[in-house]
Amino acid sequence: MNDSTISLPWLVIRQDDNGNRYRVGRYATRAEAQKIADSLDSRGHKQLYWVERIGQGQSQGQAQAQAQNGDGTLN
């Protein structure tokens, strides 16, 4: 585990219409991450946004493999 994993354990994930998942950002607190997810969700697009904690129910590697940059590359 590296320092960024410890200090920024909360992810905002977006899923598009085709089921592709992307990591939108990493945040220090759940409240901060939820605020961003809610703001993006309120825009009315068809994408889904949610908050996950790194290591919650999956390994960090799985989270990285599932949550990609917008260009399809891993973060």
Protein backbone atom coordinates (compact mmCIF):
# COMPACT_ATOMS: atom_id res chain seq x y z
CA MET A 1 0.00 0.00 0.00
CA ASN A 2 1.38 3.41 -0.88
CA ASP A 3 0.84 6.82 0.69
CA SER A 4 -1.86 7.89 -1.80
CA THR A 5 -3.93 4.81 -0.98
CA ILE A 6 -3.85 5.68 2.70
CA SER A 7 -4.61 9.38 2.33
CA LEU A 8 -7.13 9.12 -0.54
CA PRO A 9 -9.07 5.91 0.05
CA TRP A 10 -12.43 7.02 -1.40
CA LEU A 11 -13.15 6.68 -5.13
CA VAL A 12 -15.87 8.17 -7.27
CA ILE A 13 -16.69 5.70 -10.03
CA ARG A 14 -18.69 6.40 -13.20
CA GLN A 15 -20.35 3.74 -15.31
CA ASP A 16 -21.37 4.68 -18.85
CA ASP A 17 -24.21 3.37 -21.00
CA ASN A 18 -22.05 0.47 -22.24
CA GLY A 19 -21.12 -0.73 -18.75
CA ASN A 20 -17.59 0.67 -18.86
CA ARG A 21 -16.35 1.91 -15.49
CA TYR A 22 -14.00 4.83 -14.95
CA ARG A 23 -12.42 6.31 -11.87
CA VAL A 24 -13.44 9.97 -11.71
CA GLY A 25 -11.28 10.84 -8.71
CA ARG A 26 -9.86 9.88 -5.33
CA TYR A 27 -10.78 11.68 -2.13
CA ALA A 28 -9.75 11.78 1.52
CA THR A 29 -13.26 11.47 2.98
CA ARG A 30 -16.46 9.73 2.01
CA ALA A 31 -18.35 13.01 2.41
CA GLU A 32 -16.07 14.74 -0.09
CA ALA A 33 -16.41 11.88 -2.58
CA GLN A 34 -20.19 11.74 -2.13
CA LYS A 35 -20.48 15.49 -2.75
CA ILE A 36 -18.68 15.09 -6.10
CA ALA A 37 -20.75 12.02 -7.06
CA ASP A 38 -23.99 13.81 -6.20
CA SER A 39 -22.95 16.88 -8.17
CA LEU A 40 -22.13 14.81 -11.26
CA ASP A 41 -25.28 12.72 -10.91
CA SER A 42 -27.48 15.82 -10.71
CA ARG A 43 -26.44 16.85 -14.23
CA GLY A 44 -28.99 14.40 -15.62
CA HIS A 45 -26.73 12.29 -17.83
CA LYS A 46 -27.37 8.58 -18.18
CA GLN A 47 -24.12 7.65 -16.42
CA LEU A 48 -24.18 6.21 -12.92
CA TYR A 49 -21.91 7.60 -10.21
CA TRP A 50 -21.10 6.03 -6.86
CA VAL A 51 -18.56 6.06 -4.08
CA GLU A 52 -16.33 3.12 -3.13
CA ARG A 53 -13.60 2.73 -0.56
CA ILE A 54 -10.39 1.15 -1.85
CA GLY A 55 -10.14 -2.36 -0.52
CA GLN A 56 -13.83 -2.61 0.36
CA GLY A 57 -14.96 -5.92 -1.10
CA GLN A 58 -12.14 -6.07 -3.63
CA SER A 59 -8.41 -5.79 -3.88
CA GLN A 60 -6.76 -2.53 -4.92
CA GLY A 61 -5.68 -4.19 -8.17
CA GLN A 62 -9.26 -5.12 -8.99
CA ALA A 63 -10.41 -1.57 -8.26
CA GLN A 64 -7.75 -0.19 -10.58
CA ALA A 65 -8.57 -2.69 -13.32
CA GLN A 66 -12.26 -1.80 -13.16
CA ALA A 67 -11.85 1.95 -12.79
CA GLN A 68 -10.02 3.38 -15.76
CA ASN A 69 -9.08 6.85 -16.92
CA GLY A 70 -11.43 8.42 -19.44
CA ASP A 71 -9.12 7.35 -22.27
CA GLY A 72 -9.33 3.67 -21.23
CA THR A 73 -5.92 3.51 -19.60
CA LEU A 74 -5.53 2.47 -16.00
CA ASN A 75 -4.86 5.10 -13.37
